[in-house]
Amino acid sequence: MKKALFLDRDGVINVEKAYLYKIEDFEFINGILDLCLHYQSLGFIIIVVTNQSGIARGYYSEEDFSMLTSFMIKQFLSYKIKISHVYHCPHHENISGKCECRKPSPGMLLQAKLDYDIDLLNSIIIGDKERDIESGLNAGLLETYLFDESKLINESKATKIVYNLDQIWKI
């Protein structure tokens, strides 16, 4: 079985911008590349799990999301980082109804487990919202990190709240 580093996209991989879908608005968060290189060197596969309710809301299309995702994956590859898969939930409960893939449900992580033979107990999730942490916990992950650059969050179900991505692996 493989270990996975599960990453939320907006607010962890890239700077949070309302309903990001344009390539020109994409900007990596400081430290994400080094973090991914570190975990990749330890044998973790890297998987993105992201809620994308902007699709259900009609702010952008699946094609827009796919184009930005392809761009992001190519950017990672230019740093020799392989993103094994990007799972996304295009739903919003108030528009398209309840689903099993929207975090905090564990659907995307459970699908990744099936697709990649992942050992969830020894995998990690990093998110910037409590729902990311809950999704990991609901999937059985033991190691969870809540990333909060603003330093405003002081309570979480996460293993640890971090204010800088280097805090996760440079310990």
C-alpha atoms as a PDB file:
ATOM      1  CA  MET A   1       0.000   0.000   0.000  1.00  0.00           C
ATOM      2  CA  LYS A   2       1.087   3.559  -0.723  1.00  0.00           C
ATOM      3  CA  LYS A   3       1.178   6.581   1.545  1.00  0.00           C
ATOM      4  CA  ALA A   4      -0.429   9.745   0.212  1.00  0.00           C
ATOM      5  CA  LEU A   5      -0.010  13.405   0.881  1.00  0.00           C
ATOM      6  CA  PHE A   6      -3.489  14.807   0.336  1.00  0.00           C
ATOM      7  CA  LEU A   7      -3.566  18.527  -0.376  1.00  0.00           C
ATOM      8  CA  ASP A   8      -6.463  20.923  -0.598  1.00  0.00           C
ATOM      9  CA  ARG A   9      -5.931  23.275  -3.532  1.00  0.00           C
ATOM     10  CA  ASP A  10      -7.134  26.812  -2.771  1.00  0.00           C
ATOM     11  CA  GLY A  11      -5.346  28.181   0.282  1.00  0.00           C
ATOM     12  CA  VAL A  12      -2.776  25.358   0.453  1.00  0.00           C
ATOM     13  CA  ILE A  13      -1.334  24.918  -3.039  1.00  0.00           C
ATOM     14  CA  ASN A  14      -2.298  28.311  -4.401  1.00  0.00           C
ATOM     15  CA  VAL A  15      -3.132  31.676  -2.913  1.00  0.00           C
ATOM     16  CA  GLU A  16      -6.851  31.793  -2.112  1.00  0.00           C
ATOM     17  CA  LYS A  17      -8.713  33.921  -4.648  1.00  0.00           C
ATOM     18  CA  ALA A  18     -12.499  33.815  -4.888  1.00  0.00           C
ATOM     19  CA  TYR A  19     -13.480  31.001  -7.261  1.00  0.00           C
ATOM     20  CA  LEU A  20     -10.097  30.756  -8.953  1.00  0.00           C
ATOM     21  CA  TYR A  21     -10.221  29.369 -12.467  1.00  0.00           C
ATOM     22  CA  LYS A  22      -8.002  31.662 -14.559  1.00  0.00           C
ATOM     23  CA  ILE A  23      -4.399  30.633 -15.160  1.00  0.00           C
ATOM     24  CA  GLU A  24      -3.183  34.220 -14.864  1.00  0.00           C
ATOM     25  CA  ASP A  25      -4.571  34.358 -11.297  1.00  0.00           C
ATOM     26  CA  PHE A  26      -2.776  31.178 -10.136  1.00  0.00           C
ATOM     27  CA  GLU A  27       0.007  31.787  -7.607  1.00  0.00           C
ATOM     28  CA  PHE A  28       1.772  29.109  -5.522  1.00  0.00           C
ATOM     29  CA  ILE A  29       1.725  29.422  -1.729  1.00  0.00           C
ATOM     30  CA  ASN A  30       5.222  29.899  -0.267  1.00  0.00           C
ATOM     31  CA  GLY A  31       6.664  26.573   0.806  1.00  0.00           C
ATOM     32  CA  ILE A  32       4.333  24.249  -1.121  1.00  0.00           C
ATOM     33  CA  LEU A  33       6.990  23.148  -3.607  1.00  0.00           C
ATOM     34  CA  ASP A  34       9.558  22.279  -0.934  1.00  0.00           C
ATOM     35  CA  LEU A  35       6.902  20.470   1.097  1.00  0.00           C
ATOM     36  CA  CYS A  36       5.880  18.356  -1.903  1.00  0.00           C
ATOM     37  CA  LEU A  37       9.479  17.567  -2.834  1.00  0.00           C
ATOM     38  CA  HIS A  38      10.146  16.470   0.754  1.00  0.00           C
ATOM     39  CA  TYR A  39       7.174  14.106   0.980  1.00  0.00           C
ATOM     40  CA  GLN A  40       7.741  12.810  -2.546  1.00  0.00           C
ATOM     41  CA  SER A  41      11.324  11.931  -1.510  1.00  0.00           C
ATOM     42  CA  LEU A  42       9.840   9.910   1.386  1.00  0.00           C
ATOM     43  CA  GLY A  43       7.765   7.852  -1.047  1.00  0.00           C
ATOM     44  CA  PHE A  44       4.432   9.617  -0.643  1.00  0.00           C
ATOM     45  CA  ILE A  45       2.248  10.078  -3.698  1.00  0.00           C
ATOM     46  CA  ILE A  46       0.669  13.514  -3.961  1.00  0.00           C
ATOM     47  CA  ILE A  47      -3.065  13.828  -4.473  1.00  0.00           C
ATOM     48  CA  VAL A  48      -5.153  16.986  -4.600  1.00  0.00           C
ATOM     49  CA  VAL A  49      -8.666  16.906  -3.120  1.00  0.00           C
ATOM     50  CA  THR A  50     -10.609  20.101  -3.725  1.00  0.00           C
ATOM     51  CA  ASN A  51     -14.164  21.363  -3.380  1.00  0.00           C
ATOM     52  CA  GLN A  52     -15.060  23.405  -6.456  1.00  0.00           C
ATOM     53  CA  SER A  53     -18.563  24.738  -5.847  1.00  0.00           C
ATOM     54  CA  GLY A  54     -17.894  27.504  -8.380  1.00  0.00           C
ATOM     55  CA  ILE A  55     -18.829  24.926 -11.025  1.00  0.00           C
ATOM     56  CA  ALA A  56     -22.266  24.288  -9.471  1.00  0.00           C
ATOM     57  CA  ARG A  57     -22.716  28.024  -8.979  1.00  0.00           C
ATOM     58  CA  GLY A  58     -22.007  28.645 -12.680  1.00  0.00           C
ATOM     59  CA  TYR A  59     -18.971  30.864 -12.048  1.00  0.00           C
ATOM     60  CA  TYR A  60     -16.800  28.657 -14.255  1.00  0.00           C
ATOM     61  CA  SER A  61     -17.105  25.382 -16.155  1.00  0.00           C
ATOM     62  CA  GLU A  62     -15.613  21.910 -15.811  1.00  0.00           C
ATOM     63  CA  GLU A  63     -13.492  22.816 -18.846  1.00  0.00           C
ATOM     64  CA  ASP A  64     -12.196  25.950 -17.092  1.00  0.00           C
ATOM     65  CA  PHE A  65     -11.325  23.828 -14.055  1.00  0.00           C
ATOM     66  CA  SER A  66      -9.577  21.232 -16.259  1.00  0.00           C
ATOM     67  CA  MET A  67      -7.497  23.870 -18.023  1.00  0.00           C
ATOM     68  CA  LEU A  68      -6.281  25.360 -14.738  1.00  0.00           C
ATOM     69  CA  THR A  69      -5.636  21.872 -13.344  1.00  0.00           C
ATOM     70  CA  SER A  70      -3.512  20.934 -16.386  1.00  0.00           C
ATOM     71  CA  PHE A  71      -1.552  24.154 -15.994  1.00  0.00           C
ATOM     72  CA  MET A  72      -1.007  23.489 -12.265  1.00  0.00           C
ATOM     73  CA  ILE A  73       0.160  19.906 -12.869  1.00  0.00           C
ATOM     74  CA  LYS A  74       2.645  21.130 -15.527  1.00  0.00           C
ATOM     75  CA  GLN A  75       3.961  23.753 -13.112  1.00  0.00           C
ATOM     76  CA  PHE A  76       4.558  21.065 -10.475  1.00  0.00           C
ATOM     77  CA  LEU A  77       6.257  18.852 -13.072  1.00  0.00           C
ATOM     78  CA  SER A  78       8.636  21.680 -13.944  1.00  0.00           C
ATOM     79  CA  TYR A  79       9.883  21.334 -10.337  1.00  0.00           C
ATOM     80  CA  LYS A  80      10.021  17.508 -10.681  1.00  0.00           C
ATOM     81  CA  ILE A  81       6.908  17.045  -8.533  1.00  0.00           C
ATOM     82  CA  LYS A  82       4.367  14.504  -9.725  1.00  0.00           C
ATOM     83  CA  ILE A  83       0.733  15.086  -8.841  1.00  0.00           C
ATOM     84  CA  SER A  84      -0.777  11.599  -9.101  1.00  0.00           C
ATOM     85  CA  HIS A  85      -4.375  12.782  -9.300  1.00  0.00           C
ATOM     86  CA  VAL A  86      -6.639  15.774  -8.750  1.00  0.00           C
ATOM     87  CA  TYR A  87     -10.041  14.846  -7.354  1.00  0.00           C
ATOM     88  CA  HIS A  88     -12.647  17.575  -7.260  1.00  0.00           C
ATOM     89  CA  CYS A  89     -16.202  17.982  -6.085  1.00  0.00           C
ATOM     90  CA  PRO A  90     -18.156  20.267  -8.439  1.00  0.00           C
ATOM     91  CA  HIS A  91     -21.256  20.213  -6.240  1.00  0.00           C
ATOM     92  CA  HIS A  92     -22.826  22.496  -3.678  1.00  0.00           C
ATOM     93  CA  GLU A  93     -25.539  21.114  -1.412  1.00  0.00           C
ATOM     94  CA  ASN A  94     -27.812  24.152  -1.877  1.00  0.00           C
ATOM     95  CA  ILE A  95     -27.625  23.914  -5.671  1.00  0.00           C
ATOM     96  CA  SER A  96     -26.970  20.338  -6.749  1.00  0.00           C
ATOM     97  CA  GLY A  97     -27.956  18.528  -3.543  1.00  0.00           C
ATOM     98  CA  LYS A  98     -25.973  16.501  -1.045  1.00  0.00           C
ATOM     99  CA  CYS A  99     -23.152  14.321  -2.336  1.00  0.00           C
ATOM    100  CA  GLU A 100     -20.487  12.040  -0.906  1.00  0.00           C
ATOM    101  CA  CYS A 101     -17.529  13.831  -2.459  1.00  0.00           C
ATOM    102  CA  ARG A 102     -17.861  17.313  -0.965  1.00  0.00           C
ATOM    103  CA  LYS A 103     -15.598  17.765   2.037  1.00  0.00           C
ATOM    104  CA  PRO A 104     -16.092  17.190   4.973  1.00  0.00           C
ATOM    105  CA  SER A 105     -17.372  13.908   3.498  1.00  0.00           C
ATOM    106  CA  PRO A 106     -14.481  11.524   2.856  1.00  0.00           C
ATOM    107  CA  GLY A 107     -15.575  10.543  -0.666  1.00  0.00           C
ATOM    108  CA  MET A 108     -12.591  11.895  -2.596  1.00  0.00           C
ATOM    109  CA  LEU A 109     -10.094  10.326  -0.174  1.00  0.00           C
ATOM    110  CA  LEU A 110     -11.909   6.989  -0.222  1.00  0.00           C
ATOM    111  CA  GLN A 111     -11.955   7.016  -4.031  1.00  0.00           C
ATOM    112  CA  ALA A 112      -8.212   7.735  -4.030  1.00  0.00           C
ATOM    113  CA  LYS A 113      -7.701   4.783  -1.658  1.00  0.00           C
ATOM    114  CA  LEU A 114      -9.426   2.498  -4.167  1.00  0.00           C
ATOM    115  CA  ASP A 115      -7.724   3.979  -7.234  1.00  0.00           C
ATOM    116  CA  TYR A 116      -4.179   4.012  -5.817  1.00  0.00           C
ATOM    117  CA  ASP A 117      -4.165   1.350  -3.058  1.00  0.00           C
ATOM    118  CA  ILE A 118      -3.527   3.968  -0.372  1.00  0.00           C
ATOM    119  CA  ASP A 119      -2.818   3.252   3.275  1.00  0.00           C
ATOM    120  CA  LEU A 120      -5.012   5.952   4.804  1.00  0.00           C
ATOM    121  CA  LEU A 121      -3.742   5.375   8.356  1.00  0.00           C
ATOM    122  CA  ASN A 122      -0.242   6.421   7.294  1.00  0.00           C
ATOM    123  CA  SER A 123      -1.283   9.211   4.952  1.00  0.00           C
ATOM    124  CA  ILE A 124      -1.486  12.940   5.627  1.00  0.00           C
ATOM    125  CA  ILE A 125      -3.912  15.713   4.719  1.00  0.00           C
ATOM    126  CA  ILE A 126      -3.162  19.425   4.674  1.00  0.00           C
ATOM    127  CA  GLY A 127      -6.041  21.853   4.395  1.00  0.00           C
ATOM    128  CA  ASP A 128      -6.869  25.417   5.237  1.00  0.00           C
ATOM    129  CA  LYS A 129     -10.435  24.804   6.412  1.00  0.00           C
ATOM    130  CA  GLU A 130     -11.809  22.631   9.182  1.00  0.00           C
ATOM    131  CA  ARG A 131     -13.846  20.691   6.587  1.00  0.00           C
ATOM    132  CA  ASP A 132     -10.542  19.518   5.035  1.00  0.00           C
ATOM    133  CA  ILE A 133      -9.431  18.179   8.396  1.00  0.00           C
ATOM    134  CA  GLU A 134     -12.811  16.539   9.027  1.00  0.00           C
ATOM    135  CA  SER A 135     -12.659  14.869   5.614  1.00  0.00           C
ATOM    136  CA  GLY A 136      -9.302  13.352   6.526  1.00  0.00           C
ATOM    137  CA  LEU A 137     -10.528  12.237   9.928  1.00  0.00           C
ATOM    138  CA  ASN A 138     -13.702  10.798   8.374  1.00  0.00           C
ATOM    139  CA  ALA A 139     -11.485   8.777   6.025  1.00  0.00           C
ATOM    140  CA  GLY A 140      -9.395   7.435   8.923  1.00  0.00           C
ATOM    141  CA  LEU A 141      -6.265   9.579   8.594  1.00  0.00           C
ATOM    142  CA  LEU A 142      -4.313  10.017  11.807  1.00  0.00           C
ATOM    143  CA  GLU A 143      -2.119  12.930  10.701  1.00  0.00           C
ATOM    144  CA  THR A 144      -3.853  16.176   9.732  1.00  0.00           C
ATOM    145  CA  TYR A 145      -2.578  19.734   9.414  1.00  0.00           C
ATOM    146  CA  LEU A 146      -4.615  22.908   9.322  1.00  0.00           C
ATOM    147  CA  PHE A 147      -2.673  25.611   7.467  1.00  0.00           C
ATOM    148  CA  ASP A 148      -3.557  29.149   8.536  1.00  0.00           C
ATOM    149  CA  GLU A 149      -1.282  31.892   7.221  1.00  0.00           C
ATOM    150  CA  SER A 150      -3.490  34.533   8.868  1.00  0.00           C
ATOM    151  CA  LYS A 151      -2.758  33.095  12.329  1.00  0.00           C
ATOM    152  CA  LEU A 152      -6.407  33.660  13.299  1.00  0.00           C
ATOM    153  CA  ILE A 153      -7.391  30.035  13.928  1.00  0.00           C
ATOM    154  CA  ASN A 154      -6.503  28.740  17.375  1.00  0.00           C
ATOM    155  CA  GLU A 155      -8.751  25.698  17.643  1.00  0.00           C
ATOM    156  CA  SER A 156      -9.062  22.682  15.335  1.00  0.00           C
ATOM    157  CA  LYS A 157      -9.516  18.931  15.286  1.00  0.00           C
ATOM    158  CA  ALA A 158      -6.238  18.818  13.318  1.00  0.00           C
ATOM    159  CA  THR A 159      -3.101  17.144  14.628  1.00  0.00           C
ATOM    160  CA  LYS A 160      -1.522  20.580  14.427  1.00  0.00           C
ATOM    161  CA  ILE A 161      -2.311  24.103  13.254  1.00  0.00           C
ATOM    162  CA  VAL A 162       0.561  25.501  11.193  1.00  0.00           C
ATOM    163  CA  TYR A 163       1.146  29.063  10.050  1.00  0.00           C
ATOM    164  CA  ASN A 164       3.897  28.234   7.585  1.00  0.00           C
ATOM    165  CA  LEU A 165       4.129  25.092   5.428  1.00  0.00           C
ATOM    166  CA  ASP A 166       7.741  24.570   6.535  1.00  0.00           C
ATOM    167  CA  GLN A 167       6.430  23.833  10.044  1.00  0.00           C
ATOM    168  CA  ILE A 168       5.064  20.512   8.793  1.00  0.00           C
ATOM    169  CA  TRP A 169       8.301  18.972   7.615  1.00  0.00           C
ATOM    170  CA  LYS A 170      11.160  21.061   9.020  1.00  0.00           C
ATOM    171  CA  ILE A 171      10.703  19.890  12.590  1.00  0.00           C
END
